[in-house]
Amino acid sequence: MAEAGARRRPALRHADGRYRCAWCGTDPLYVRYHDSEWGVPVRDERLLLEMLCLEGAQAGLSWITVLRKREHYRQVYDGFDAERMARYSARKQAALLADPGIVRNRLKVEGFVRNARAYLALRDAGHTLEEIVWAHAPGGRRRRPRLLTDIAVSTPESEALGKQLKRLGFTFVGSTICYAFMQAVGIVDDHQQRCFAAARR
């Protein structure tokens, strides 16, 4: 999330007077994402699938790299419509691999299709992605982190979620990816002390 030099920073005060988590820096796109999305509870099925896929696309990269490509991802992946994605042919996937607007990694491109198919199988079995992921929300009150180094990269809950998703056929769902996903969709709230967004929870 943050560069190595920023890892021990507390929340930073921005030009507008607000304190924000140190990881978002001053990039306007990152700041908007931090202010309006990160840590806000998500229950919408399509958005949960989108975020799970995009967190997988981030593997080995920085989140801002994926965030800058997000709108293009939405266009070429049909708004993360699982039924459409699940039917992507080899030709469609080859076209995606040639598209500079996304992360051109074969396993990740194929992984989005696998995740869409796993999502539909889950739905056909009478379950929802919301049900699965929110069942792994940690219980009790958690201490809000002061420094970025106080924020975990994985937890027993994210490990359990990753294992369950993998059993269900999802891919790119390791414990660290799942924890980043849990942070992004508000299953856990890791806004730093003094961050203005911490007051939302």
C-alpha atoms as a PDB file:
ATOM      1  CA  MET A   1       0.000   0.000   0.000  1.00  0.00           C
ATOM      2  CA  ALA A   2       2.631   2.541   1.083  1.00  0.00           C
ATOM      3  CA  GLU A   3       6.186   3.057  -0.065  1.00  0.00           C
ATOM      4  CA  ALA A   4       8.875   1.833   2.311  1.00  0.00           C
ATOM      5  CA  GLY A   5       9.777   5.353   3.452  1.00  0.00           C
ATOM      6  CA  ALA A   6       6.213   6.064   4.505  1.00  0.00           C
ATOM      7  CA  ARG A   7       5.653   2.920   6.520  1.00  0.00           C
ATOM      8  CA  ARG A   8       6.246   4.505   9.923  1.00  0.00           C
ATOM      9  CA  ARG A   9       4.162   7.595   9.272  1.00  0.00           C
ATOM     10  CA  PRO A  10       1.091   8.554  11.266  1.00  0.00           C
ATOM     11  CA  ALA A  11      -1.905  10.101   9.505  1.00  0.00           C
ATOM     12  CA  LEU A  12      -0.856  13.156   7.492  1.00  0.00           C
ATOM     13  CA  ARG A  13      -2.480  16.559   7.366  1.00  0.00           C
ATOM     14  CA  HIS A  14      -3.429  17.660   3.844  1.00  0.00           C
ATOM     15  CA  ALA A  15      -3.770  21.136   2.380  1.00  0.00           C
ATOM     16  CA  ASP A  16      -7.525  21.090   3.060  1.00  0.00           C
ATOM     17  CA  GLY A  17      -6.815  20.684   6.776  1.00  0.00           C
ATOM     18  CA  ARG A  18      -7.980  17.080   6.942  1.00  0.00           C
ATOM     19  CA  TYR A  19      -5.837  14.277   8.300  1.00  0.00           C
ATOM     20  CA  ARG A  20      -5.725  11.198   6.081  1.00  0.00           C
ATOM     21  CA  CYS A  21      -4.073   7.793   6.229  1.00  0.00           C
ATOM     22  CA  ALA A  22      -0.422   8.163   5.236  1.00  0.00           C
ATOM     23  CA  TRP A  23      -0.627   5.568   2.462  1.00  0.00           C
ATOM     24  CA  CYS A  24      -2.794   7.668   0.150  1.00  0.00           C
ATOM     25  CA  GLY A  25      -0.279  10.501  -0.219  1.00  0.00           C
ATOM     26  CA  THR A  26      -1.458  13.455  -2.286  1.00  0.00           C
ATOM     27  CA  ASP A  27      -2.324  11.842  -5.635  1.00  0.00           C
ATOM     28  CA  PRO A  28      -5.874  13.152  -6.315  1.00  0.00           C
ATOM     29  CA  LEU A  29      -7.124   9.756  -7.505  1.00  0.00           C
ATOM     30  CA  TYR A  30      -5.747   8.020  -4.429  1.00  0.00           C
ATOM     31  CA  VAL A  31      -7.159  10.697  -2.126  1.00  0.00           C
ATOM     32  CA  ARG A  32     -10.641  10.364  -3.669  1.00  0.00           C
ATOM     33  CA  TYR A  33     -10.480   6.593  -3.325  1.00  0.00           C
ATOM     34  CA  HIS A  34      -9.400   6.900   0.313  1.00  0.00           C
ATOM     35  CA  ASP A  35     -12.069   9.471   1.120  1.00  0.00           C
ATOM     36  CA  SER A  36     -15.043   7.844  -0.584  1.00  0.00           C
ATOM     37  CA  GLU A  37     -14.408   4.109  -0.800  1.00  0.00           C
ATOM     38  CA  TRP A  38     -11.639   2.542   1.237  1.00  0.00           C
ATOM     39  CA  GLY A  39     -13.056   1.013   4.389  1.00  0.00           C
ATOM     40  CA  VAL A  40     -16.689   1.765   3.510  1.00  0.00           C
ATOM     41  CA  PRO A  41     -18.799  -1.406   3.983  1.00  0.00           C
ATOM     42  CA  VAL A  42     -19.780  -2.956   0.647  1.00  0.00           C
ATOM     43  CA  ARG A  43     -22.718  -5.363   0.304  1.00  0.00           C
ATOM     44  CA  ASP A  44     -23.303  -5.064  -3.436  1.00  0.00           C
ATOM     45  CA  GLU A  45     -22.498  -8.371  -5.128  1.00  0.00           C
ATOM     46  CA  ARG A  46     -21.095  -6.960  -8.346  1.00  0.00           C
ATOM     47  CA  LEU A  47     -18.840  -4.527  -6.546  1.00  0.00           C
ATOM     48  CA  LEU A  48     -17.597  -7.270  -4.230  1.00  0.00           C
ATOM     49  CA  LEU A  49     -16.688  -9.385  -7.257  1.00  0.00           C
ATOM     50  CA  GLU A  50     -15.003  -6.407  -8.903  1.00  0.00           C
ATOM     51  CA  MET A  51     -12.907  -5.633  -5.853  1.00  0.00           C
ATOM     52  CA  LEU A  52     -11.942  -9.260  -5.333  1.00  0.00           C
ATOM     53  CA  CYS A  53     -10.751  -9.463  -8.935  1.00  0.00           C
ATOM     54  CA  LEU A  54      -8.912  -6.137  -8.819  1.00  0.00           C
ATOM     55  CA  GLU A  55      -7.159  -6.984  -5.570  1.00  0.00           C
ATOM     56  CA  GLY A  56      -5.944 -10.134  -7.312  1.00  0.00           C
ATOM     57  CA  ALA A  57      -4.760  -8.051 -10.261  1.00  0.00           C
ATOM     58  CA  GLN A  58      -2.731  -5.968  -7.818  1.00  0.00           C
ATOM     59  CA  ALA A  59      -0.568  -8.952  -6.759  1.00  0.00           C
ATOM     60  CA  GLY A  60       3.059  -7.895  -7.181  1.00  0.00           C
ATOM     61  CA  LEU A  61       2.061  -4.325  -8.036  1.00  0.00           C
ATOM     62  CA  SER A  62       0.971  -1.177  -6.200  1.00  0.00           C
ATOM     63  CA  TRP A  63      -2.732  -0.509  -5.745  1.00  0.00           C
ATOM     64  CA  ILE A  64      -2.465   2.877  -7.463  1.00  0.00           C
ATOM     65  CA  THR A  65      -1.367   1.056 -10.639  1.00  0.00           C
ATOM     66  CA  VAL A  66      -4.602  -0.937 -10.662  1.00  0.00           C
ATOM     67  CA  LEU A  67      -6.694   2.024  -9.521  1.00  0.00           C
ATOM     68  CA  ARG A  68      -5.539   4.026 -12.544  1.00  0.00           C
ATOM     69  CA  LYS A  69      -6.707   1.197 -14.790  1.00  0.00           C
ATOM     70  CA  ARG A  70      -9.981   0.577 -12.972  1.00  0.00           C
ATOM     71  CA  GLU A  71     -12.331   2.397 -15.333  1.00  0.00           C
ATOM     72  CA  HIS A  72     -10.811   0.602 -18.289  1.00  0.00           C
ATOM     73  CA  TYR A  73     -11.178  -2.703 -16.465  1.00  0.00           C
ATOM     74  CA  ARG A  74     -14.873  -1.945 -16.017  1.00  0.00           C
ATOM     75  CA  GLN A  75     -15.245  -1.295 -19.735  1.00  0.00           C
ATOM     76  CA  VAL A  76     -13.449  -4.370 -21.022  1.00  0.00           C
ATOM     77  CA  TYR A  77     -14.898  -6.698 -18.384  1.00  0.00           C
ATOM     78  CA  ASP A  78     -18.509  -5.683 -19.070  1.00  0.00           C
ATOM     79  CA  GLY A  79     -18.946  -3.892 -15.772  1.00  0.00           C
ATOM     80  CA  PHE A  80     -17.913  -7.076 -13.955  1.00  0.00           C
ATOM     81  CA  ASP A  81     -21.083  -8.821 -15.049  1.00  0.00           C
ATOM     82  CA  ALA A  82     -20.299 -12.379 -13.918  1.00  0.00           C
ATOM     83  CA  GLU A  83     -22.568 -14.034 -16.491  1.00  0.00           C
ATOM     84  CA  ARG A  84     -20.799 -12.298 -19.362  1.00  0.00           C
ATOM     85  CA  MET A  85     -17.332 -12.807 -17.932  1.00  0.00           C
ATOM     86  CA  ALA A  86     -17.927 -16.513 -17.382  1.00  0.00           C
ATOM     87  CA  ARG A  87     -18.564 -16.931 -21.120  1.00  0.00           C
ATOM     88  CA  TYR A  88     -15.347 -15.246 -22.280  1.00  0.00           C
ATOM     89  CA  SER A  89     -13.803 -17.289 -25.062  1.00  0.00           C
ATOM     90  CA  ALA A  90     -10.116 -17.933 -25.640  1.00  0.00           C
ATOM     91  CA  ARG A  91     -10.269 -15.251 -28.332  1.00  0.00           C
ATOM     92  CA  LYS A  92     -11.706 -12.691 -25.920  1.00  0.00           C
ATOM     93  CA  GLN A  93      -9.060 -13.521 -23.338  1.00  0.00           C
ATOM     94  CA  ALA A  94      -6.325 -13.173 -25.964  1.00  0.00           C
ATOM     95  CA  ALA A  95      -7.673  -9.721 -26.800  1.00  0.00           C
ATOM     96  CA  LEU A  96      -7.557  -8.789 -23.123  1.00  0.00           C
ATOM     97  CA  LEU A  97      -3.943  -9.925 -22.914  1.00  0.00           C
ATOM     98  CA  ALA A  98      -3.117  -7.556 -25.756  1.00  0.00           C
ATOM     99  CA  ASP A  99      -4.860  -4.594 -24.068  1.00  0.00           C
ATOM    100  CA  PRO A 100      -2.358  -2.143 -22.509  1.00  0.00           C
ATOM    101  CA  GLY A 101      -5.162  -0.669 -20.402  1.00  0.00           C
ATOM    102  CA  ILE A 102      -5.117  -3.627 -17.998  1.00  0.00           C
ATOM    103  CA  VAL A 103      -2.462  -5.725 -16.271  1.00  0.00           C
ATOM    104  CA  ARG A 104      -1.403  -8.062 -19.072  1.00  0.00           C
ATOM    105  CA  ASN A 105      -0.741 -11.218 -17.123  1.00  0.00           C
ATOM    106  CA  ARG A 106      -2.221 -14.449 -18.455  1.00  0.00           C
ATOM    107  CA  LEU A 107      -2.938 -15.965 -15.041  1.00  0.00           C
ATOM    108  CA  LYS A 108      -4.677 -12.801 -13.890  1.00  0.00           C
ATOM    109  CA  VAL A 109      -6.779 -12.506 -17.045  1.00  0.00           C
ATOM    110  CA  GLU A 110      -7.779 -16.153 -16.752  1.00  0.00           C
ATOM    111  CA  GLY A 111      -8.321 -15.654 -13.029  1.00  0.00           C
ATOM    112  CA  PHE A 112     -11.047 -13.059 -13.602  1.00  0.00           C
ATOM    113  CA  VAL A 113     -12.946 -15.596 -15.719  1.00  0.00           C
ATOM    114  CA  ARG A 114     -12.433 -18.325 -13.119  1.00  0.00           C
ATOM    115  CA  ASN A 115     -13.701 -16.008 -10.401  1.00  0.00           C
ATOM    116  CA  ALA A 116     -16.800 -15.163 -12.419  1.00  0.00           C
ATOM    117  CA  ARG A 117     -17.535 -18.850 -12.894  1.00  0.00           C
ATOM    118  CA  ALA A 118     -16.940 -19.568  -9.201  1.00  0.00           C
ATOM    119  CA  TYR A 119     -19.252 -16.685  -8.315  1.00  0.00           C
ATOM    120  CA  LEU A 120     -22.030 -18.097 -10.499  1.00  0.00           C
ATOM    121  CA  ALA A 121     -21.555 -21.587  -9.043  1.00  0.00           C
ATOM    122  CA  LEU A 122     -21.816 -20.086  -5.570  1.00  0.00           C
ATOM    123  CA  ARG A 123     -25.023 -18.302  -6.531  1.00  0.00           C
ATOM    124  CA  ASP A 124     -26.460 -21.444  -8.125  1.00  0.00           C
ATOM    125  CA  ALA A 125     -25.800 -23.267  -4.850  1.00  0.00           C
ATOM    126  CA  GLY A 126     -27.996 -20.736  -3.069  1.00  0.00           C
ATOM    127  CA  HIS A 127     -25.285 -18.598  -1.508  1.00  0.00           C
ATOM    128  CA  THR A 128     -23.928 -15.102  -2.058  1.00  0.00           C
ATOM    129  CA  LEU A 129     -20.450 -13.645  -2.102  1.00  0.00           C
ATOM    130  CA  GLU A 130     -21.608 -11.135   0.502  1.00  0.00           C
ATOM    131  CA  GLU A 131     -22.608 -13.970   2.821  1.00  0.00           C
ATOM    132  CA  ILE A 132     -19.233 -15.680   2.443  1.00  0.00           C
ATOM    133  CA  VAL A 133     -16.955 -12.686   2.861  1.00  0.00           C
ATOM    134  CA  TRP A 134     -18.830 -10.940   5.663  1.00  0.00           C
ATOM    135  CA  ALA A 135     -18.892 -14.152   7.692  1.00  0.00           C
ATOM    136  CA  HIS A 136     -15.155 -13.546   8.174  1.00  0.00           C
ATOM    137  CA  ALA A 137     -15.477 -10.106   9.747  1.00  0.00           C
ATOM    138  CA  PRO A 138     -13.430 -10.022  12.961  1.00  0.00           C
ATOM    139  CA  GLY A 139     -15.403  -9.783  16.174  1.00  0.00           C
ATOM    140  CA  GLY A 140     -14.957  -7.300  18.977  1.00  0.00           C
ATOM    141  CA  ARG A 141     -13.534  -3.814  19.013  1.00  0.00           C
ATOM    142  CA  ARG A 142     -10.144  -3.363  17.360  1.00  0.00           C
ATOM    143  CA  ARG A 143      -7.500  -0.790  18.269  1.00  0.00           C
ATOM    144  CA  ARG A 144      -7.171   1.769  15.499  1.00  0.00           C
ATOM    145  CA  PRO A 145      -3.624   1.829  14.042  1.00  0.00           C
ATOM    146  CA  ARG A 146      -1.451   4.877  14.663  1.00  0.00           C
ATOM    147  CA  LEU A 147       1.399   4.071  12.254  1.00  0.00           C
ATOM    148  CA  LEU A 148       1.272   2.196   8.966  1.00  0.00           C
ATOM    149  CA  THR A 149       3.500  -0.431  10.560  1.00  0.00           C
ATOM    150  CA  ASP A 150       0.656  -1.115  13.025  1.00  0.00           C
ATOM    151  CA  ILE A 151      -1.546  -2.368  10.178  1.00  0.00           C
ATOM    152  CA  ALA A 152      -1.527  -6.115   9.581  1.00  0.00           C
ATOM    153  CA  VAL A 153      -0.922  -7.577   6.120  1.00  0.00           C
ATOM    154  CA  SER A 154      -2.882 -10.732   6.908  1.00  0.00           C
ATOM    155  CA  THR A 155      -4.919 -12.131   9.790  1.00  0.00           C
ATOM    156  CA  PRO A 156      -6.451 -15.456  10.809  1.00  0.00           C
ATOM    157  CA  GLU A 157      -9.725 -14.193   9.330  1.00  0.00           C
ATOM    158  CA  SER A 158      -8.172 -13.359   5.956  1.00  0.00           C
ATOM    159  CA  GLU A 159      -6.402 -16.725   5.953  1.00  0.00           C
ATOM    160  CA  ALA A 160      -9.711 -18.501   6.583  1.00  0.00           C
ATOM    161  CA  LEU A 161     -11.485 -16.443   3.924  1.00  0.00           C
ATOM    162  CA  GLY A 162      -8.794 -17.202   1.360  1.00  0.00           C
ATOM    163  CA  LYS A 163      -8.998 -20.932   2.047  1.00  0.00           C
ATOM    164  CA  GLN A 164     -12.778 -20.941   1.723  1.00  0.00           C
ATOM    165  CA  LEU A 165     -12.735 -18.934  -1.495  1.00  0.00           C
ATOM    166  CA  LYS A 166     -10.101 -21.222  -2.946  1.00  0.00           C
ATOM    167  CA  ARG A 167     -12.232 -24.277  -2.112  1.00  0.00           C
ATOM    168  CA  LEU A 168     -15.107 -22.568  -3.927  1.00  0.00           C
ATOM    169  CA  GLY A 169     -13.002 -22.184  -7.072  1.00  0.00           C
ATOM    170  CA  PHE A 170     -11.796 -18.579  -6.759  1.00  0.00           C
ATOM    171  CA  THR A 171      -8.192 -17.723  -7.562  1.00  0.00           C
ATOM    172  CA  PHE A 172      -5.692 -15.066  -6.440  1.00  0.00           C
ATOM    173  CA  VAL A 173      -7.186 -15.299  -2.962  1.00  0.00           C
ATOM    174  CA  GLY A 174      -4.156 -15.708  -0.732  1.00  0.00           C
ATOM    175  CA  SER A 175      -4.301 -14.381   2.819  1.00  0.00           C
ATOM    176  CA  THR A 176      -2.582 -11.062   2.024  1.00  0.00           C
ATOM    177  CA  ILE A 177      -4.784 -10.377  -1.003  1.00  0.00           C
ATOM    178  CA  CYS A 178      -7.870 -11.256   1.022  1.00  0.00           C
ATOM    179  CA  TYR A 179      -6.855  -8.886   3.803  1.00  0.00           C
ATOM    180  CA  ALA A 180      -6.377  -6.028   1.340  1.00  0.00           C
ATOM    181  CA  PHE A 181      -9.815  -6.900  -0.045  1.00  0.00           C
ATOM    182  CA  MET A 182     -11.315  -6.914   3.469  1.00  0.00           C
ATOM    183  CA  GLN A 183      -9.828  -3.466   4.101  1.00  0.00           C
ATOM    184  CA  ALA A 184     -11.086  -2.114   0.783  1.00  0.00           C
ATOM    185  CA  VAL A 185     -14.705  -3.258   1.227  1.00  0.00           C
ATOM    186  CA  GLY A 186     -14.996  -2.314   4.889  1.00  0.00           C
ATOM    187  CA  ILE A 187     -14.997  -5.770   6.453  1.00  0.00           C
ATOM    188  CA  VAL A 188     -12.170  -4.378   8.558  1.00  0.00           C
ATOM    189  CA  ASP A 189     -11.551  -0.707   9.262  1.00  0.00           C
ATOM    190  CA  ASP A 190      -7.870   0.193   9.270  1.00  0.00           C
ATOM    191  CA  HIS A 191      -8.092   3.971   8.961  1.00  0.00           C
ATOM    192  CA  GLN A 192      -5.327   5.436  11.087  1.00  0.00           C
ATOM    193  CA  GLN A 193      -5.783   7.419  14.255  1.00  0.00           C
ATOM    194  CA  ARG A 194      -6.634  11.062  13.473  1.00  0.00           C
ATOM    195  CA  CYS A 195      -7.743  10.202   9.916  1.00  0.00           C
ATOM    196  CA  PHE A 196     -10.996  12.071   9.305  1.00  0.00           C
ATOM    197  CA  ALA A 197     -12.541   8.979   7.686  1.00  0.00           C
ATOM    198  CA  ALA A 198     -12.193   7.068  10.943  1.00  0.00           C
ATOM    199  CA  ALA A 199     -15.187   9.000  12.248  1.00  0.00           C
ATOM    200  CA  ARG A 200     -17.468   7.191   9.773  1.00  0.00           C
ATOM    201  CA  ARG A 201     -17.336   3.963  11.816  1.00  0.00           C
END
